[in-house]
């Protein structure tokens, strides 16, 4: 290493130091990511248990639920949010089982912030996506619709 030019030795030292710092960063942030992953898996297990209890008890067909999940995603995706489409969709959810099925069908999706928007895309389940995209009054309106339809779940 002593035979190498000073510029190469400096570059190597900076590269090694950067690698060590990056390794330490990953080591210390990993436990938080593991916990987040555990929480997400636990939430998925709970939703799946609820979904199993609802088999055959929903008012809507799987095709309808899938279409509603896609409609909500389309309303959220890209620049701007189509709140009216979201409200219209939730008016059709008439039971807890339909809500559970909608949540399962939606899964985890990536919502684009829009072509010209510098914000990062959002990645989340139905509830997280709605919380991210709707303001307090819009969330209240969705919750009022769910309550009127005797659905016990809220966003």
C-alpha atoms as a PDB file:
ATOM      1  CA  UNK A   1       0.000   0.000   0.000  1.00  0.00           C
ATOM      2  CA  UNK A   2       2.981   2.313   0.619  1.00  0.00           C
ATOM      3  CA  UNK A   3       3.907   2.031  -3.060  1.00  0.00           C
ATOM      4  CA  UNK A   4       0.541   3.476  -4.171  1.00  0.00           C
ATOM      5  CA  UNK A   5       0.155   7.157  -4.999  1.00  0.00           C
ATOM      6  CA  UNK A   6      -1.226   9.317  -2.193  1.00  0.00           C
ATOM      7  CA  UNK A   7      -4.514   9.923  -4.082  1.00  0.00           C
ATOM      8  CA  UNK A   8      -5.186   6.186  -4.307  1.00  0.00           C
ATOM      9  CA  UNK A   9      -4.379   5.657  -0.625  1.00  0.00           C
ATOM     10  CA  UNK A  10      -6.732   8.485   0.350  1.00  0.00           C
ATOM     11  CA  UNK A  11      -9.489   7.087  -1.878  1.00  0.00           C
ATOM     12  CA  UNK A  12      -9.042   3.630  -0.348  1.00  0.00           C
ATOM     13  CA  UNK A  13      -9.103   5.028   3.201  1.00  0.00           C
ATOM     14  CA  UNK A  14     -12.261   7.034   2.471  1.00  0.00           C
ATOM     15  CA  UNK A  15     -13.903   3.982   0.866  1.00  0.00           C
ATOM     16  CA  UNK A  16     -13.057   1.732   3.805  1.00  0.00           C
ATOM     17  CA  UNK A  17     -14.224   4.322   6.345  1.00  0.00           C
ATOM     18  CA  UNK A  18     -17.445   4.834   4.384  1.00  0.00           C
ATOM     19  CA  UNK A  19     -18.040   1.084   4.308  1.00  0.00           C
ATOM     20  CA  UNK A  20     -17.536   0.817   8.045  1.00  0.00           C
ATOM     21  CA  UNK A  21     -19.881   3.741   8.727  1.00  0.00           C
ATOM     22  CA  UNK A  22     -22.531   2.292   6.398  1.00  0.00           C
ATOM     23  CA  UNK A  23     -22.189  -1.123   8.061  1.00  0.00           C
ATOM     24  CA  UNK A  24     -22.649   0.416  11.513  1.00  0.00           C
ATOM     25  CA  UNK A  25     -25.660   2.390  10.285  1.00  0.00           C
ATOM     26  CA  UNK A  26     -27.307  -0.776   8.955  1.00  0.00           C
ATOM     27  CA  UNK A  27     -26.471  -2.657  12.131  1.00  0.00           C
ATOM     28  CA  UNK A  28     -28.114  -0.055  14.365  1.00  0.00           C
ATOM     29  CA  UNK A  29     -31.194   0.551  12.194  1.00  0.00           C
ATOM     30  CA  UNK A  30     -31.911  -3.143  11.605  1.00  0.00           C
ATOM     31  CA  UNK A  31     -33.676  -3.794  14.967  1.00  0.00           C
ATOM     32  CA  UNK A  32     -36.242  -1.057  14.233  1.00  0.00           C
ATOM     33  CA  UNK A  33     -36.974  -2.526  10.819  1.00  0.00           C
ATOM     34  CA  UNK A  34     -37.331  -5.996  12.291  1.00  0.00           C
ATOM     35  CA  UNK A  35     -39.868  -4.663  14.822  1.00  0.00           C
ATOM     36  CA  UNK A  36     -41.795  -2.848  12.076  1.00  0.00           C
ATOM     37  CA  UNK A  37     -41.870  -6.060  10.070  1.00  0.00           C
ATOM     38  CA  UNK A  38     -43.113  -8.036  13.091  1.00  0.00           C
ATOM     39  CA  UNK A  39     -45.917  -5.514  13.666  1.00  0.00           C
ATOM     40  CA  UNK A  40     -46.952  -5.646  10.012  1.00  0.00           C
ATOM     41  CA  UNK A  41     -46.947  -9.465  10.012  1.00  0.00           C
ATOM     42  CA  UNK A  42     -48.997  -9.503  13.238  1.00  0.00           C
ATOM     43  CA  UNK A  43     -51.533  -7.108  11.706  1.00  0.00           C
ATOM     44  CA  UNK A  44     -51.711  -9.294   8.580  1.00  0.00           C
ATOM     45  CA  UNK A  45     -52.315 -12.401  10.711  1.00  0.00           C
ATOM     46  CA  UNK A  46     -55.129 -10.653  12.581  1.00  0.00           C
ATOM     47  CA  UNK A  47     -56.798  -9.525   9.346  1.00  0.00           C
ATOM     48  CA  UNK A  48     -56.433 -13.029   7.886  1.00  0.00           C
ATOM     49  CA  UNK A  49     -58.083 -14.567  10.976  1.00  0.00           C
ATOM     50  CA  UNK A  50     -60.960 -12.106  10.612  1.00  0.00           C
ATOM     51  CA  UNK A  51     -61.198 -12.883   6.902  1.00  0.00           C
ATOM     52  CA  UNK A  52     -61.383 -16.632   7.597  1.00  0.00           C
ATOM     53  CA  UNK A  53     -64.311 -16.022   9.965  1.00  0.00           C
ATOM     54  CA  UNK A  54     -66.111 -14.081   7.239  1.00  0.00           C
ATOM     55  CA  UNK A  55     -65.932 -16.636   4.428  1.00  0.00           C
ATOM     56  CA  UNK A  56     -69.392 -16.773   2.890  1.00  0.00           C
ATOM     57  CA  UNK A  57     -70.779 -14.087   5.208  1.00  0.00           C
ATOM     58  CA  UNK A  58     -70.073 -10.969   3.124  1.00  0.00           C
ATOM     59  CA  UNK A  59     -72.755  -9.311   1.079  1.00  0.00           C
ATOM     60  CA  UNK A  60     -70.454  -8.568  -1.842  1.00  0.00           C
ATOM     61  CA  UNK A  61     -68.770 -11.001  -4.209  1.00  0.00           C
ATOM     62  CA  UNK A  62     -64.997 -11.334  -4.450  1.00  0.00           C
ATOM     63  CA  UNK A  63     -65.120  -9.706  -7.892  1.00  0.00           C
ATOM     64  CA  UNK A  64     -66.992  -6.698  -6.470  1.00  0.00           C
ATOM     65  CA  UNK A  65     -64.574  -6.398  -3.545  1.00  0.00           C
ATOM     66  CA  UNK A  66     -61.565  -6.585  -5.886  1.00  0.00           C
ATOM     67  CA  UNK A  67     -63.117  -3.931  -8.129  1.00  0.00           C
ATOM     68  CA  UNK A  68     -63.719  -1.654  -5.108  1.00  0.00           C
ATOM     69  CA  UNK A  69     -60.140  -2.122  -3.888  1.00  0.00           C
ATOM     70  CA  UNK A  70     -58.874  -1.159  -7.344  1.00  0.00           C
ATOM     71  CA  UNK A  71     -61.252   1.812  -7.481  1.00  0.00           C
ATOM     72  CA  UNK A  72     -59.929   3.123  -4.150  1.00  0.00           C
ATOM     73  CA  UNK A  73     -56.339   2.601  -5.303  1.00  0.00           C
ATOM     74  CA  UNK A  74     -57.032   4.492  -8.531  1.00  0.00           C
ATOM     75  CA  UNK A  75     -58.647   7.315  -6.526  1.00  0.00           C
ATOM     76  CA  UNK A  76     -55.540   7.592  -4.325  1.00  0.00           C
ATOM     77  CA  UNK A  77     -52.798   7.001  -6.898  1.00  0.00           C
ATOM     78  CA  UNK A  78     -51.014   9.870  -8.609  1.00  0.00           C
ATOM     79  CA  UNK A  79     -51.279  13.590  -8.131  1.00  0.00           C
ATOM     80  CA  UNK A  80     -54.468  14.512  -6.283  1.00  0.00           C
ATOM     81  CA  UNK A  81     -57.078  12.291  -4.661  1.00  0.00           C
ATOM     82  CA  UNK A  82     -60.579  11.535  -5.956  1.00  0.00           C
ATOM     83  CA  UNK A  83     -62.414  11.751  -2.631  1.00  0.00           C
ATOM     84  CA  UNK A  84     -65.838  11.335  -4.233  1.00  0.00           C
ATOM     85  CA  UNK A  85     -64.842   7.943  -5.662  1.00  0.00           C
ATOM     86  CA  UNK A  86     -63.667   6.881  -2.214  1.00  0.00           C
ATOM     87  CA  UNK A  87     -66.909   8.018  -0.548  1.00  0.00           C
ATOM     88  CA  UNK A  88     -68.973   6.293  -3.252  1.00  0.00           C
ATOM     89  CA  UNK A  89     -67.056   3.051  -2.753  1.00  0.00           C
ATOM     90  CA  UNK A  90     -67.449   3.054   1.027  1.00  0.00           C
ATOM     91  CA  UNK A  91     -71.201   3.623   0.646  1.00  0.00           C
ATOM     92  CA  UNK A  92     -71.299   0.136  -0.899  1.00  0.00           C
ATOM     93  CA  UNK A  93     -69.559  -1.533   2.068  1.00  0.00           C
ATOM     94  CA  UNK A  94     -72.479  -2.781   4.187  1.00  0.00           C
ATOM     95  CA  UNK A  95     -70.892  -5.233   6.644  1.00  0.00           C
ATOM     96  CA  UNK A  96     -67.769  -5.835   8.694  1.00  0.00           C
ATOM     97  CA  UNK A  97     -67.024  -8.859   6.513  1.00  0.00           C
ATOM     98  CA  UNK A  98     -67.117  -6.740   3.365  1.00  0.00           C
ATOM     99  CA  UNK A  99     -64.738  -4.245   4.985  1.00  0.00           C
ATOM    100  CA  UNK A 100     -62.376  -7.053   6.012  1.00  0.00           C
ATOM    101  CA  UNK A 101     -62.488  -8.485   2.493  1.00  0.00           C
ATOM    102  CA  UNK A 102     -61.848  -5.019   1.017  1.00  0.00           C
ATOM    103  CA  UNK A 103     -58.847  -4.571   3.286  1.00  0.00           C
ATOM    104  CA  UNK A 104     -57.491  -8.001   2.284  1.00  0.00           C
ATOM    105  CA  UNK A 105     -58.056  -7.345  -1.414  1.00  0.00           C
ATOM    106  CA  UNK A 106     -56.332  -3.971  -1.230  1.00  0.00           C
ATOM    107  CA  UNK A 107     -53.320  -5.558   0.458  1.00  0.00           C
ATOM    108  CA  UNK A 108     -50.241  -3.336   0.480  1.00  0.00           C
ATOM    109  CA  UNK A 109     -49.885  -1.026  -2.493  1.00  0.00           C
ATOM    110  CA  UNK A 110     -47.567   1.742  -3.562  1.00  0.00           C
ATOM    111  CA  UNK A 111     -49.308   5.048  -4.175  1.00  0.00           C
ATOM    112  CA  UNK A 112     -47.503   7.323  -6.573  1.00  0.00           C
ATOM    113  CA  UNK A 113     -47.217  10.921  -5.440  1.00  0.00           C
ATOM    114  CA  UNK A 114     -47.598  12.068  -9.047  1.00  0.00           C
ATOM    115  CA  UNK A 115     -45.231  12.770 -11.896  1.00  0.00           C
ATOM    116  CA  UNK A 116     -44.351  16.318 -10.891  1.00  0.00           C
ATOM    117  CA  UNK A 117     -44.515  15.855  -7.135  1.00  0.00           C
ATOM    118  CA  UNK A 118     -41.117  15.675  -5.392  1.00  0.00           C
ATOM    119  CA  UNK A 119     -42.558  13.699  -2.445  1.00  0.00           C
ATOM    120  CA  UNK A 120     -41.720  10.014  -2.171  1.00  0.00           C
ATOM    121  CA  UNK A 121     -44.304   7.404  -3.097  1.00  0.00           C
ATOM    122  CA  UNK A 122     -46.310   5.958  -0.204  1.00  0.00           C
ATOM    123  CA  UNK A 123     -46.414   2.228   0.501  1.00  0.00           C
ATOM    124  CA  UNK A 124     -49.111   0.863   2.804  1.00  0.00           C
ATOM    125  CA  UNK A 125     -52.309  -1.060   3.447  1.00  0.00           C
ATOM    126  CA  UNK A 126     -55.823   0.324   2.984  1.00  0.00           C
ATOM    127  CA  UNK A 127     -56.046   2.111   6.323  1.00  0.00           C
ATOM    128  CA  UNK A 128     -52.543   3.571   6.115  1.00  0.00           C
ATOM    129  CA  UNK A 129     -53.157   4.721   2.535  1.00  0.00           C
ATOM    130  CA  UNK A 130     -56.396   6.451   3.479  1.00  0.00           C
ATOM    131  CA  UNK A 131     -54.787   8.053   6.533  1.00  0.00           C
ATOM    132  CA  UNK A 132     -51.989   9.302   4.292  1.00  0.00           C
ATOM    133  CA  UNK A 133     -54.218  10.738   1.571  1.00  0.00           C
ATOM    134  CA  UNK A 134     -57.366  12.009   3.312  1.00  0.00           C
ATOM    135  CA  UNK A 135     -57.568  14.987   5.630  1.00  0.00           C
ATOM    136  CA  UNK A 136     -59.409  14.899   8.968  1.00  0.00           C
ATOM    137  CA  UNK A 137     -62.787  15.948   7.527  1.00  0.00           C
ATOM    138  CA  UNK A 138     -62.572  13.421   4.689  1.00  0.00           C
ATOM    139  CA  UNK A 139     -61.658  10.616   7.120  1.00  0.00           C
ATOM    140  CA  UNK A 140     -64.615  11.646   9.300  1.00  0.00           C
ATOM    141  CA  UNK A 141     -66.903  11.434   6.276  1.00  0.00           C
ATOM    142  CA  UNK A 142     -65.671   7.905   5.470  1.00  0.00           C
ATOM    143  CA  UNK A 143     -66.126   6.891   9.109  1.00  0.00           C
ATOM    144  CA  UNK A 144     -69.637   8.391   9.147  1.00  0.00           C
ATOM    145  CA  UNK A 145     -70.495   6.377   6.031  1.00  0.00           C
ATOM    146  CA  UNK A 146     -69.172   3.191   7.674  1.00  0.00           C
ATOM    147  CA  UNK A 147     -71.118   3.937  10.861  1.00  0.00           C
ATOM    148  CA  UNK A 148     -74.341   4.566   8.905  1.00  0.00           C
ATOM    149  CA  UNK A 149     -73.825   1.210   7.179  1.00  0.00           C
ATOM    150  CA  UNK A 150     -73.362  -0.486  10.599  1.00  0.00           C
ATOM    151  CA  UNK A 151     -69.722  -1.321   9.887  1.00  0.00           C
ATOM    152  CA  UNK A 152     -67.727  -1.241  13.127  1.00  0.00           C
ATOM    153  CA  UNK A 153     -64.312  -0.644  11.528  1.00  0.00           C
ATOM    154  CA  UNK A 154     -62.966   2.919  11.181  1.00  0.00           C
ATOM    155  CA  UNK A 155     -60.024   4.520   9.493  1.00  0.00           C
END
